[in-house]
Amino acid sequence: MKKYPHYLERLQAATRKFWEKPALNNIGGETFTYEQMARTIAHFHVLFENSGIKKGDKIALCAQNGARWGFAYLAVNTYETIIVPILADFKPDSVMGLVNHSDSIALFTDSDKWSKMDIAKMPKVRFVLDINTLQLLFCNDKKVSKAFENLDKLFDKKYPDGFGPDDVVYPTDNWDDLSTINYTSGSTGDPKGVMLTYRNFSATVDYSQRFMPAGDKIISMLPMAHMYGLVIEYLYPICNGTSIYWLGKAPTPTILLKAFADIRPYLLITVPLVIEKIYKAKIKPIIEKPAVKAALKVPGLNNIIYSKIRKGLLEAFGGKVQEFVMGGAPLNPEVEKILKKIKFPYVVGYGMTEACPLMSYEAWTKYVPGSCGKAIDMCEIRIDSDDPQNVVGEIQARGENITIGYYNNPEATANAFTEDGWLKTGDLGIMDAEGNIFIRGRSKNMILGPSGQNIYPEEIEAVANNQDYVVESVVVDRGGKLVALVFLDEQAIATALLDAETKHSIPEKIRLSSNRQLPSFSQIHKVIVQDVPFEKTPKMSIRRFLYT
């Protein structure tokens, strides 16, 4: 096993070093310094100690992103109680089902979510805490009630000389103990609670600190109960002494741009869809102007134009972003081609909850377009294929960051690993001689063509998404024919002042234009327009199963 620091050791050091610096911040709202964060965590620990809560007990956390979510998570995690973060967007019945499945004895939430739940459906829960007001919403345990009522006195008794940096001491002799149970969906039929250890988190945080940029401030926009947001936007930066800023519920573009300008983050974690929208709205209209098209063919002048486009984009994000890290889906090839030309500092990584979450990454200066980087040095990746460089196979992984299985679901755990202990990701891809990984699609999405060809709908969608007025698409098999479901940019269509006949012909133009770029066995038979955007997962991937 590799030797590297425990992430709670890093957190402890950062807290002591940056004692007076803002740590957890709600944009336009509350701000907590590292001292206040540590003091609040210590109050939680006193409450736990005097309530009889033990190491290994489970506490569920279901609330909106924000500073108070941040210290609630760390309070549980640093006490060695197992934290069960649950996505705030899950339906109440799903939340209650996962609280039960995880054997949680307490629930941290907010009054709004609590008002939609029924405690009778969560018989193991001893108390419920509102993380916004730090008041009990429910309690059937006298020991908890008494500890809560006397919390300040108990805290002063434990720290008679006051609470200072030297009092921040977090446990690190728990490498292979269970740290977190994270549910990848709200389904209560066959819940998959991914079990992640302190070693898993320490491995990813260590890799991130060694290879990803470091900086003063970061804006968190992804769900904290999702591993991508939790580890890359929160745990790794907070262990660096970074100030974390939360946006709250879906901000308007105006609020978002103001936040970038005010905070000037050093790193931006996003999904390809966001960058693709920016490309279509900000870059494509510029480079398709006749005069610009002509200028881009002139050596030297083209670099000046690309440089100006790059500078304008970076300034829109505050001007200090060192790298844009994307994940969750492949980046559109046309978009990627232009981003490389303007030397935009982006990289597409690869991971999943079961890998806590990172499996591959590469610094943007070395990143190979179309890939998702190379395997991080905390894990190994192999392609289950006789010719991994040319013949697609399942991507499999093992290493320090890989889950130990699914909570209370031995069948799912057994099915997730090969006989020799490699995690079966369900993703298909190839790997070049340098170790760059190229994802071709999900094994469950692959369509078998009439002559036995493997058709990857994601590759067809990348072509369809490049057509005029297409925002996003899903390709499905309908009776042996490939059908492209597309969601169109109505604003762009309105701006173009198209007549009724031209608008009516858009689907057929999308089909014909796409098919000119596709092999014969991947031809689109029909294009159907969706009236509303496709439903998404928390990491902004399309819920494909709803459309097949």
Protein backbone atom coordinates (compact mmCIF):
# COMPACT_ATOMS: atom_id res chain seq x y z
CA MET A 1 0.00 0.00 0.00
CA LYS A 2 1.12 3.55 -0.74
CA LYS A 3 2.19 5.90 2.02
CA TYR A 4 0.48 9.29 2.09
CA PRO A 5 -1.11 11.56 4.72
CA HIS A 6 -4.56 10.88 6.12
CA TYR A 7 -6.93 13.58 4.86
CA LEU A 8 -8.05 14.36 8.45
CA GLU A 9 -4.39 15.02 9.27
CA ARG A 10 -4.37 17.52 6.40
CA LEU A 11 -7.65 19.05 7.63
CA GLN A 12 -6.28 19.37 11.14
CA ALA A 13 -3.13 21.11 9.86
CA ALA A 14 -5.08 23.46 7.58
CA THR A 15 -7.48 24.40 10.38
CA ARG A 16 -4.65 25.30 12.74
CA LYS A 17 -2.70 27.21 10.08
CA PHE A 18 -5.61 29.21 8.64
CA TRP A 19 -7.40 29.76 11.97
CA GLU A 20 -8.69 33.27 11.21
CA LYS A 21 -9.31 32.79 7.48
CA PRO A 22 -12.86 32.35 6.06
CA ALA A 23 -13.48 28.65 5.50
CA LEU A 24 -17.15 28.03 4.75
CA ASN A 25 -19.16 30.77 3.05
CA ASN A 26 -22.65 31.19 1.63
CA ILE A 27 -22.50 33.78 -1.14
CA GLY A 28 -24.51 36.76 0.09
CA GLY A 29 -24.98 35.08 3.47
CA GLU A 30 -23.13 33.49 6.39
CA THR A 31 -19.36 33.17 6.64
CA PHE A 32 -17.48 30.90 9.06
CA THR A 33 -13.72 31.07 9.66
CA TYR A 34 -11.62 27.95 10.17
CA GLU A 35 -11.81 28.70 13.91
CA GLN A 36 -15.62 28.91 13.86
CA MET A 37 -15.81 25.74 11.79
CA ALA A 38 -13.55 23.90 14.25
CA ARG A 39 -15.45 25.24 17.26
CA THR A 40 -18.80 24.15 15.77
CA ILE A 41 -17.40 20.70 15.01
CA ALA A 42 -16.16 20.47 18.61
CA HIS A 43 -19.65 21.38 19.90
CA PHE A 44 -21.08 18.54 17.81
CA HIS A 45 -18.50 16.16 19.27
CA VAL A 46 -19.47 17.14 22.81
CA LEU A 47 -23.11 16.56 21.93
CA PHE A 48 -22.28 13.12 20.48
CA GLU A 49 -20.11 12.12 23.46
CA ASN A 50 -22.80 13.00 25.98
CA SER A 51 -25.59 11.43 23.93
CA GLY A 52 -24.01 7.99 23.85
CA ILE A 53 -23.31 8.13 20.12
CA LYS A 54 -20.50 5.74 19.27
CA LYS A 55 -17.94 5.26 16.54
CA GLY A 56 -19.61 3.32 13.74
CA ASP A 57 -23.11 4.70 14.37
CA LYS A 58 -24.70 6.18 11.23
CA ILE A 59 -26.02 9.71 10.80
CA ALA A 60 -27.84 10.77 7.63
CA LEU A 61 -27.45 14.27 6.19
CA CYS A 62 -30.05 15.59 3.75
CA ALA A 63 -30.09 19.36 3.22
CA GLN A 64 -29.30 22.03 0.65
CA ASN A 65 -25.69 22.88 -0.17
CA GLY A 66 -24.13 25.50 2.05
CA ALA A 67 -21.72 26.33 4.83
CA ARG A 68 -23.79 24.57 7.48
CA TRP A 69 -23.94 21.43 5.35
CA GLY A 70 -20.16 21.63 5.27
CA PHE A 71 -19.52 21.64 8.99
CA ALA A 72 -22.31 19.13 9.66
CA TYR A 73 -20.57 16.66 7.35
CA LEU A 74 -17.17 17.19 8.96
CA ALA A 75 -18.60 17.04 12.48
CA VAL A 76 -19.89 13.53 11.88
CA ASN A 77 -16.89 12.43 9.81
CA THR A 78 -14.23 13.60 12.28
CA TYR A 79 -16.04 11.88 15.18
CA GLU A 80 -15.75 8.56 13.29
CA THR A 81 -19.48 8.25 13.10
CA ILE A 82 -20.46 7.07 9.61
CA ILE A 83 -21.96 9.88 7.55
CA VAL A 84 -24.74 9.13 5.05
CA PRO A 85 -25.09 12.13 2.70
CA ILE A 86 -28.39 12.01 0.81
CA LEU A 87 -29.16 14.22 -2.18
CA ALA A 88 -31.51 17.05 -1.26
CA ASP A 89 -33.44 16.54 -4.51
CA PHE A 90 -34.58 13.05 -3.58
CA LYS A 91 -38.29 12.64 -2.82
CA PRO A 92 -39.25 12.41 0.89
CA ASP A 93 -40.17 8.73 0.58
CA SER A 94 -36.77 8.01 -0.96
CA VAL A 95 -34.96 9.93 1.78
CA MET A 96 -36.83 8.06 4.50
CA GLY A 97 -36.17 4.74 2.77
CA LEU A 98 -32.43 5.42 2.57
CA VAL A 99 -32.30 6.60 6.19
CA ASN A 100 -33.79 3.23 7.13
CA HIS A 101 -31.63 1.18 4.79
CA SER A 102 -28.46 2.80 6.14
CA ASP A 103 -29.49 2.08 9.77
CA SER A 104 -29.07 5.78 10.60
CA ILE A 105 -29.85 6.69 14.21
CA ALA A 106 -30.06 10.44 13.50
CA LEU A 107 -30.99 12.73 10.65
CA PHE A 108 -29.52 16.17 9.95
CA THR A 109 -31.82 18.15 7.68
CA ASP A 110 -33.80 21.40 7.56
CA SER A 111 -37.31 22.36 8.64
CA ASP A 112 -38.70 22.40 5.10
CA LYS A 113 -37.60 18.88 4.28
CA TRP A 114 -38.57 17.65 7.74
CA SER A 115 -42.13 18.94 7.26
CA LYS A 116 -42.56 16.47 4.37
CA MET A 117 -41.33 13.42 6.32
CA ASP A 118 -42.99 11.00 8.72
CA ILE A 119 -40.91 9.94 11.72
CA ALA A 120 -43.07 6.83 12.08
CA LYS A 121 -41.46 5.59 8.85
CA MET A 122 -37.97 5.96 10.35
CA PRO A 123 -38.18 3.89 13.57
CA LYS A 124 -34.39 3.73 14.14
CA VAL A 125 -33.96 7.51 14.25
CA ARG A 126 -33.40 8.83 17.77
CA PHE A 127 -33.22 12.53 16.93
CA VAL A 128 -33.50 14.98 14.03
CA LEU A 129 -31.46 18.19 13.90
CA ASP A 130 -32.09 21.31 11.83
CA ILE A 131 -28.61 22.22 10.55
CA ASN A 132 -29.67 25.81 9.83
CA THR A 133 -30.89 26.66 13.33
CA LEU A 134 -29.05 23.88 15.21
CA GLN A 135 -32.32 23.08 16.97
CA LEU A 136 -33.85 19.65 17.55
CA LEU A 137 -36.80 18.92 15.28
CA PHE A 138 -37.48 15.56 16.94
CA CYS A 139 -36.01 13.59 19.82
CA ASN A 140 -37.13 10.42 21.61
CA ASP A 141 -33.89 9.95 23.56
CA LYS A 142 -33.66 11.65 26.96
CA LYS A 143 -29.88 11.42 26.92
CA VAL A 144 -29.74 13.41 23.68
CA SER A 145 -32.23 15.98 24.99
CA LYS A 146 -30.25 16.49 28.19
CA ALA A 147 -26.95 16.82 26.33
CA PHE A 148 -28.51 19.32 23.95
CA GLU A 149 -29.96 21.45 26.76
CA ASN A 150 -26.61 21.59 28.58
CA LEU A 151 -24.36 21.75 25.53
CA ASP A 152 -22.66 25.07 26.34
CA LYS A 153 -21.90 24.01 29.91
CA LEU A 154 -20.59 20.66 28.72
CA PHE A 155 -18.41 22.38 26.15
CA ASP A 156 -16.94 24.79 28.73
CA LYS A 157 -16.30 21.86 31.06
CA LYS A 158 -14.37 20.00 28.38
CA TYR A 159 -12.36 23.10 27.42
CA PRO A 160 -11.96 25.07 30.71
CA ASP A 161 -9.06 27.09 29.29
CA GLY A 162 -10.90 27.96 26.11
CA PHE A 163 -10.84 26.35 22.67
CA GLY A 164 -7.78 27.00 20.53
CA PRO A 165 -5.86 25.60 17.54
CA ASP A 166 -4.11 22.96 19.65
CA ASP A 167 -7.50 21.52 20.61
CA VAL A 168 -8.15 20.58 16.99
CA VAL A 169 -7.17 16.92 16.95
CA TYR A 170 -8.77 14.55 14.47
CA PRO A 171 -8.38 10.73 14.44
CA THR A 172 -6.10 9.10 11.88
CA ASP A 173 -5.85 5.49 13.07
CA ASN A 174 -8.93 4.50 11.07
CA TRP A 175 -7.66 4.04 7.50
CA ASP A 176 -9.79 1.02 6.65
CA ASP A 177 -12.81 1.95 8.75
CA LEU A 178 -16.04 2.90 7.03
CA SER A 179 -16.29 6.68 6.64
CA THR A 180 -19.24 7.32 4.34
CA ILE A 181 -22.20 5.54 2.76
CA ASN A 182 -23.27 7.28 -0.44
CA TYR A 183 -26.39 6.29 -2.35
CA THR A 184 -26.12 6.76 -6.09
CA SER A 185 -29.88 6.93 -6.63
CA GLY A 186 -33.09 7.43 -4.69
CA SER A 187 -34.40 3.99 -5.59
CA THR A 188 -35.58 2.07 -2.54
CA GLY A 189 -36.16 -1.18 -4.43
CA ASP A 190 -32.54 -2.30 -4.41
CA PRO A 191 -30.52 0.49 -2.75
CA LYS A 192 -26.84 0.72 -3.56
CA GLY A 193 -25.11 2.50 -0.71
CA VAL A 194 -21.49 2.80 -1.79
CA MET A 195 -19.21 2.16 1.21
CA LEU A 196 -16.12 4.36 1.26
CA THR A 197 -13.35 4.21 3.83
CA TYR A 198 -11.07 6.89 5.25
CA ARG A 199 -8.35 5.38 3.04
CA ASN A 200 -10.47 5.92 -0.06
CA PHE A 201 -10.93 9.62 0.74
CA SER A 202 -7.30 10.08 1.79
CA ALA A 203 -6.09 8.61 -1.51
CA THR A 204 -8.17 10.96 -3.67
CA VAL A 205 -7.41 14.03 -1.55
CA ASP A 206 -3.68 13.22 -1.65
CA TYR A 207 -3.68 12.80 -5.43
CA SER A 208 -5.69 16.00 -5.90
CA GLN A 209 -3.33 17.99 -3.72
CA ARG A 210 -0.30 16.74 -5.65
CA PHE A 211 -1.61 17.11 -9.20
CA MET A 212 -4.54 19.53 -9.29
CA PRO A 213 -4.17 23.31 -8.90
CA ALA A 214 -4.28 24.95 -5.48
CA GLY A 215 -5.63 28.38 -4.71
CA ASP A 216 -7.30 30.76 -2.30
CA LYS A 217 -11.00 30.50 -3.22
CA ILE A 218 -13.35 28.10 -4.95
CA ILE A 219 -17.04 28.25 -5.83
CA SER A 220 -19.00 25.06 -5.19
CA MET A 221 -21.89 24.44 -7.58
CA LEU A 222 -22.30 20.65 -7.59
CA PRO A 223 -24.41 18.71 -5.05
CA MET A 224 -22.39 18.06 -1.90
CA ALA A 225 -24.09 14.69 -1.44
CA HIS A 226 -22.55 13.60 -4.75
CA MET A 227 -18.94 12.39 -4.61
CA TYR A 228 -17.75 14.66 -7.43
CA GLY A 229 -18.87 17.76 -5.54
CA LEU A 230 -18.03 16.46 -2.07
CA VAL A 231 -14.41 15.48 -2.71
CA ILE A 232 -13.23 17.79 -5.50
CA GLU A 233 -15.13 20.95 -4.55
CA TYR A 234 -14.98 20.56 -0.78
CA LEU A 235 -12.71 18.05 0.95
CA TYR A 236 -9.58 18.47 -1.17
CA PRO A 237 -9.77 22.31 -1.16
CA ILE A 238 -10.65 22.61 2.56
CA CYS A 239 -7.59 20.47 3.36
CA ASN A 240 -5.56 23.07 1.43
CA GLY A 241 -6.81 26.01 3.49
CA THR A 242 -9.04 27.20 0.66
CA SER A 243 -12.16 29.31 1.25
CA ILE A 244 -15.24 27.46 -0.06
CA TYR A 245 -18.15 29.52 -1.41
CA TRP A 246 -21.60 28.04 -2.01
CA LEU A 247 -24.10 29.48 -4.47
CA GLY A 248 -27.20 27.85 -3.06
CA LYS A 249 -30.14 26.96 -5.29
CA ALA A 250 -29.78 27.24 -9.09
CA PRO A 251 -28.49 30.80 -9.56
CA THR A 252 -29.43 32.99 -12.51
CA PRO A 253 -26.67 33.68 -15.07
CA THR A 254 -26.42 37.25 -13.72
CA ILE A 255 -25.85 36.05 -10.13
CA LEU A 256 -23.39 33.43 -11.35
CA LEU A 257 -21.29 35.91 -13.34
CA LYS A 258 -21.26 38.35 -10.41
CA ALA A 259 -20.08 35.55 -8.11
CA PHE A 260 -17.22 34.72 -10.49
CA ALA A 261 -16.23 38.40 -10.69
CA ASP A 262 -16.36 38.92 -6.91
CA ILE A 263 -14.75 35.68 -5.73
CA ARG A 264 -12.40 34.95 -8.64
CA PRO A 265 -12.06 31.19 -8.06
CA TYR A 266 -8.84 29.33 -8.91
CA LEU A 267 -10.59 26.18 -10.14
CA LEU A 268 -13.94 25.41 -11.71
CA ILE A 269 -15.55 21.97 -11.53
CA THR A 270 -18.29 21.58 -14.11
CA VAL A 271 -19.88 19.26 -16.66
CA PRO A 272 -19.37 19.31 -20.45
CA LEU A 273 -22.94 20.53 -21.07
CA VAL A 274 -22.13 23.87 -19.41
CA ILE A 275 -18.99 24.42 -21.51
CA GLU A 276 -20.83 23.33 -24.67
CA LYS A 277 -23.55 25.93 -24.00
CA ILE A 278 -20.89 28.62 -23.50
CA TYR A 279 -19.26 27.57 -26.79
CA LYS A 280 -22.52 27.82 -28.71
CA ALA A 281 -23.48 31.15 -27.12
CA LYS A 282 -20.11 32.92 -26.94
CA ILE A 283 -17.53 31.35 -29.24
CA LYS A 284 -19.33 29.85 -32.25
CA PRO A 285 -21.11 33.11 -33.26
CA ILE A 286 -17.73 34.90 -33.31
CA ILE A 287 -15.69 32.37 -35.30
CA GLU A 288 -18.47 31.87 -37.86
CA LYS A 289 -18.57 35.54 -38.88
CA PRO A 290 -17.26 35.76 -42.48
CA ALA A 291 -14.56 38.31 -41.62
CA VAL A 292 -13.35 36.25 -38.63
CA LYS A 293 -13.42 33.04 -40.67
CA ALA A 294 -11.15 34.66 -43.23
CA ALA A 295 -8.83 36.07 -40.56
CA LEU A 296 -8.49 32.68 -38.88
CA LYS A 297 -6.88 31.35 -42.06
CA VAL A 298 -4.05 33.88 -41.78
CA PRO A 299 -1.04 32.58 -39.79
CA GLY A 300 -0.23 34.79 -36.84
CA LEU A 301 -3.51 36.70 -37.05
CA ASN A 302 -5.43 33.57 -36.10
CA ASN A 303 -3.44 33.23 -32.88
CA ILE A 304 -4.23 36.83 -31.94
CA ILE A 305 -7.96 36.16 -32.41
CA TYR A 306 -7.83 32.90 -30.46
CA SER A 307 -5.93 34.64 -27.67
CA LYS A 308 -8.58 37.37 -27.41
CA ILE A 309 -11.38 34.79 -27.26
CA ARG A 310 -9.54 32.89 -24.52
CA LYS A 311 -8.89 36.04 -22.49
CA GLY A 312 -12.54 37.10 -22.73
CA LEU A 313 -13.75 33.68 -21.57
CA LEU A 314 -11.37 33.53 -18.63
CA GLU A 315 -12.30 37.06 -17.54
CA ALA A 316 -15.97 36.04 -17.51
CA PHE A 317 -15.05 33.42 -14.88
CA GLY A 318 -13.17 35.92 -12.72
CA GLY A 319 -9.81 35.82 -14.48
CA LYS A 320 -8.02 33.52 -12.02
CA VAL A 321 -9.25 30.06 -13.02
CA GLN A 322 -6.19 27.86 -13.54
CA GLU A 323 -8.13 24.86 -14.82
CA PHE A 324 -11.64 23.80 -15.77
CA VAL A 325 -12.20 20.18 -14.74
CA MET A 326 -15.10 18.39 -16.42
CA GLY A 327 -16.62 14.99 -15.80
CA GLY A 328 -19.82 13.00 -16.03
CA ALA A 329 -19.92 12.87 -19.85
CA PRO A 330 -17.63 13.24 -22.87
CA LEU A 331 -17.02 16.68 -24.36
CA ASN A 332 -18.36 17.33 -27.85
CA PRO A 333 -15.50 16.85 -30.38
CA GLU A 334 -16.24 20.09 -32.27
CA VAL A 335 -16.18 22.07 -29.03
CA GLU A 336 -13.00 20.33 -27.92
CA LYS A 337 -11.25 21.17 -31.20
CA ILE A 338 -11.87 24.90 -30.74
CA LEU A 339 -10.99 24.86 -27.02
CA LYS A 340 -7.62 23.36 -27.92
CA LYS A 341 -7.03 26.03 -30.56
CA ILE A 342 -7.67 28.87 -28.11
CA LYS A 343 -5.55 27.07 -25.46
CA PHE A 344 -8.42 26.97 -23.00
CA PRO A 345 -7.23 25.34 -19.73
CA TYR A 346 -9.65 22.42 -19.56
CA VAL A 347 -9.46 18.71 -18.87
CA VAL A 348 -12.06 15.93 -18.92
CA GLY A 349 -11.60 13.45 -16.09
CA TYR A 350 -13.27 10.15 -15.36
CA GLY A 351 -14.63 8.63 -12.22
CA MET A 352 -17.60 7.29 -10.32
CA THR A 353 -18.90 7.19 -6.77
CA GLU A 354 -17.30 3.77 -6.29
CA ALA A 355 -13.87 5.37 -6.94
CA CYS A 356 -14.35 8.24 -4.46
CA PRO A 357 -14.72 9.54 -7.26
CA LEU A 358 -11.59 9.99 -9.38
CA MET A 359 -10.10 7.29 -11.62
CA SER A 360 -8.39 9.25 -14.38
CA TYR A 361 -7.15 12.79 -14.89
CA GLU A 362 -4.38 14.73 -16.63
CA ALA A 363 -3.13 18.30 -16.31
CA TRP A 364 -4.60 20.44 -19.09
CA THR A 365 -1.19 21.09 -20.65
CA LYS A 366 -0.71 17.34 -21.24
CA TYR A 367 -4.33 16.37 -21.81
CA VAL A 368 -5.09 14.47 -25.05
CA PRO A 369 -8.33 15.59 -26.75
CA GLY A 370 -11.07 12.96 -26.79
CA SER A 371 -9.62 11.16 -23.80
CA CYS A 372 -10.43 11.37 -20.09
CA GLY A 373 -6.79 11.47 -19.04
CA LYS A 374 -4.65 8.71 -17.56
CA ALA A 375 -5.26 6.53 -14.51
CA ILE A 376 -4.46 8.41 -11.31
CA ASP A 377 -1.52 6.94 -9.41
CA MET A 378 -3.80 5.74 -6.60
CA CYS A 379 -5.42 3.12 -8.81
CA GLU A 380 -4.83 0.85 -11.78
CA ILE A 381 -7.10 0.72 -14.81
CA ARG A 382 -7.35 -2.06 -17.36
CA ILE A 383 -9.50 -2.70 -20.43
CA ASP A 384 -11.17 -6.11 -20.51
CA SER A 385 -10.18 -6.77 -24.12
CA ASP A 386 -7.69 -8.92 -26.03
CA ASP A 387 -6.48 -5.76 -27.79
CA PRO A 388 -7.07 -2.82 -25.38
CA GLN A 389 -5.64 -0.24 -27.80
CA ASN A 390 -8.01 -1.09 -30.63
CA VAL A 391 -10.85 -3.32 -29.43
CA VAL A 392 -13.38 -1.83 -27.01
CA GLY A 393 -13.77 -3.56 -23.64
CA GLU A 394 -15.10 -2.84 -20.19
CA ILE A 395 -13.05 -0.39 -18.11
CA GLN A 396 -12.06 -2.02 -14.81
CA ALA A 397 -10.20 -0.57 -11.82
CA ARG A 398 -8.61 -1.43 -8.50
CA GLY A 399 -6.68 0.62 -5.98
CA GLU A 400 -6.54 2.71 -2.82
CA ASN A 401 -9.60 4.77 -3.74
CA ILE A 402 -11.94 1.93 -4.73
CA THR A 403 -15.04 1.09 -2.67
CA ILE A 404 -15.22 -1.96 -0.43
CA GLY A 405 -18.77 -2.66 -1.68
CA TYR A 406 -22.41 -1.79 -1.13
CA TYR A 407 -23.97 -1.48 2.32
CA ASN A 408 -26.33 -4.32 3.23
CA ASN A 409 -26.28 -5.54 -0.37
CA PRO A 410 -23.89 -8.51 -0.70
CA GLU A 411 -25.33 -9.54 -4.06
CA ALA A 412 -24.62 -6.14 -5.63
CA THR A 413 -21.14 -6.17 -4.08
CA ALA A 414 -20.36 -9.60 -5.54
CA ASN A 415 -21.60 -8.55 -8.98
CA ALA A 416 -19.51 -5.34 -8.92
CA PHE A 417 -16.13 -7.06 -8.90
CA THR A 418 -14.31 -9.57 -11.09
CA GLU A 419 -13.01 -12.80 -9.61
CA ASP A 420 -9.54 -11.25 -9.31
CA GLY A 421 -10.85 -8.17 -7.49
CA TRP A 422 -11.23 -5.46 -10.15
CA LEU A 423 -14.22 -3.09 -10.04
CA LYS A 424 -16.43 -3.50 -13.09
CA THR A 425 -17.36 0.07 -14.09
CA GLY A 426 -19.89 -0.81 -16.78
CA ASP A 427 -18.18 1.72 -19.06
CA LEU A 428 -16.63 0.71 -22.37
CA GLY A 429 -13.42 2.10 -23.78
CA ILE A 430 -9.91 1.68 -25.11
CA MET A 431 -6.48 2.76 -23.81
CA ASP A 432 -3.62 3.97 -26.00
CA ALA A 433 0.06 3.08 -25.57
CA GLU A 434 0.62 6.13 -23.35
CA GLY A 435 -2.20 5.14 -21.00
CA ASN A 436 -4.78 7.70 -22.17
CA ILE A 437 -8.30 6.36 -21.71
CA PHE A 438 -10.98 6.88 -24.34
CA ILE A 439 -14.55 6.10 -23.29
CA ARG A 440 -16.85 4.79 -25.99
CA GLY A 441 -20.02 4.52 -23.92
CA ARG A 442 -21.86 2.55 -21.28
CA SER A 443 -22.17 -1.20 -21.82
CA LYS A 444 -25.87 -1.02 -21.00
CA ASN A 445 -26.36 1.75 -23.61
CA MET A 446 -24.62 -0.09 -26.47
CA ILE A 447 -26.91 -1.01 -29.35
CA LEU A 448 -26.21 -4.11 -31.42
CA GLY A 449 -26.57 -3.30 -35.12
CA PRO A 450 -28.40 -5.55 -37.61
CA SER A 451 -25.09 -6.96 -38.88
CA GLY A 452 -23.59 -7.36 -35.43
CA GLN A 453 -21.87 -3.96 -35.23
CA ASN A 454 -21.47 -2.33 -31.82
CA ILE A 455 -23.22 1.04 -31.99
CA TYR A 456 -22.43 3.56 -29.26
CA PRO A 457 -25.27 6.10 -29.06
CA GLU A 458 -22.99 8.64 -27.35
CA GLU A 459 -20.92 8.90 -30.54
CA ILE A 460 -23.99 9.56 -32.68
CA GLU A 461 -25.25 12.11 -30.14
CA ALA A 462 -21.96 14.00 -30.35
CA VAL A 463 -22.58 14.48 -34.09
CA ALA A 464 -26.26 15.40 -33.65
CA ASN A 465 -25.43 17.91 -30.93
CA ASN A 466 -23.21 19.79 -33.40
CA GLN A 467 -26.12 20.55 -35.71
CA ASP A 468 -27.74 23.96 -35.74
CA TYR A 469 -30.25 24.62 -32.95
CA VAL A 470 -29.61 21.31 -31.13
CA VAL A 471 -29.02 21.70 -27.38
CA GLU A 472 -28.80 18.00 -26.54
CA SER A 473 -29.92 14.63 -27.83
CA VAL A 474 -30.51 10.98 -26.95
CA VAL A 475 -30.24 8.20 -29.53
CA VAL A 476 -32.41 5.14 -28.94
CA ASP A 477 -33.29 1.91 -30.71
CA ARG A 478 -36.92 1.83 -31.84
CA GLY A 479 -37.86 -1.39 -33.62
CA GLY A 480 -34.35 -1.91 -34.96
CA LYS A 481 -34.09 1.70 -36.21
CA LEU A 482 -31.98 4.48 -34.66
CA VAL A 483 -34.10 7.41 -33.52
CA ALA A 484 -32.61 10.68 -32.30
CA LEU A 485 -34.60 12.53 -29.67
CA VAL A 486 -33.49 16.18 -29.69
CA PHE A 487 -34.16 19.22 -27.53
CA LEU A 488 -33.88 22.42 -29.55
CA ASP A 489 -32.70 25.92 -28.67
CA GLU A 490 -35.97 27.81 -29.10
CA GLN A 491 -34.32 31.14 -28.29
CA ALA A 492 -31.80 30.69 -31.10
CA ILE A 493 -34.59 29.70 -33.49
CA ALA A 494 -36.59 32.80 -32.53
CA THR A 495 -33.54 35.03 -32.97
CA ALA A 496 -32.95 33.58 -36.44
CA LEU A 497 -36.48 34.70 -37.49
CA LEU A 498 -37.14 31.45 -39.32
CA ASP A 499 -40.37 31.07 -41.28
CA ALA A 500 -42.78 28.24 -40.44
CA GLU A 501 -41.62 26.02 -43.32
CA THR A 502 -37.94 26.32 -42.35
CA LYS A 503 -38.72 25.60 -38.69
CA HIS A 504 -40.71 22.54 -39.72
CA SER A 505 -37.74 21.24 -41.73
CA ILE A 506 -35.23 21.46 -38.84
CA PRO A 507 -35.56 17.79 -37.70
CA GLU A 508 -34.99 16.45 -41.21
CA LYS A 509 -32.01 18.78 -41.74
CA ILE A 510 -30.53 17.51 -38.48
CA ARG A 511 -30.96 13.93 -39.67
CA LEU A 512 -29.47 14.46 -43.12
CA SER A 513 -26.55 16.56 -41.91
CA SER A 514 -25.73 14.08 -39.13
CA ASN A 515 -25.93 11.05 -41.42
CA ARG A 516 -23.38 12.60 -43.80
CA GLN A 517 -20.86 12.31 -40.94
CA LEU A 518 -21.90 8.86 -39.67
CA PRO A 519 -21.00 5.35 -40.91
CA SER A 520 -23.70 3.42 -42.72
CA PHE A 521 -24.54 1.20 -39.74
CA SER A 522 -25.07 4.25 -37.46
CA GLN A 523 -27.46 6.19 -39.68
CA ILE A 524 -30.31 8.04 -37.94
CA HIS A 525 -33.70 6.86 -39.22
CA LYS A 526 -35.78 9.62 -37.63
CA VAL A 527 -35.42 12.77 -35.51
CA ILE A 528 -38.10 13.53 -32.90
CA VAL A 529 -38.19 16.90 -31.13
CA GLN A 530 -38.57 16.93 -27.34
CA ASP A 531 -40.68 19.80 -25.97
CA VAL A 532 -38.82 19.96 -22.65
CA PRO A 533 -35.18 19.39 -21.60
CA PHE A 534 -34.15 15.83 -20.84
CA GLU A 535 -34.32 14.86 -17.18
CA LYS A 536 -30.88 14.85 -15.56
CA THR A 537 -29.03 13.14 -12.76
CA PRO A 538 -27.35 15.30 -10.07
CA LYS A 539 -24.14 15.28 -12.12
CA MET A 540 -26.13 16.51 -15.15
CA SER A 541 -26.07 13.24 -17.10
CA ILE A 542 -29.28 12.49 -19.00
CA ARG A 543 -31.50 9.84 -17.37
CA ARG A 544 -31.41 7.72 -20.51
CA PHE A 545 -33.60 4.94 -19.14
CA LEU A 546 -36.59 7.30 -19.26
CA TYR A 547 -36.36 7.55 -23.04
CA THR A 548 -35.51 4.03 -24.19
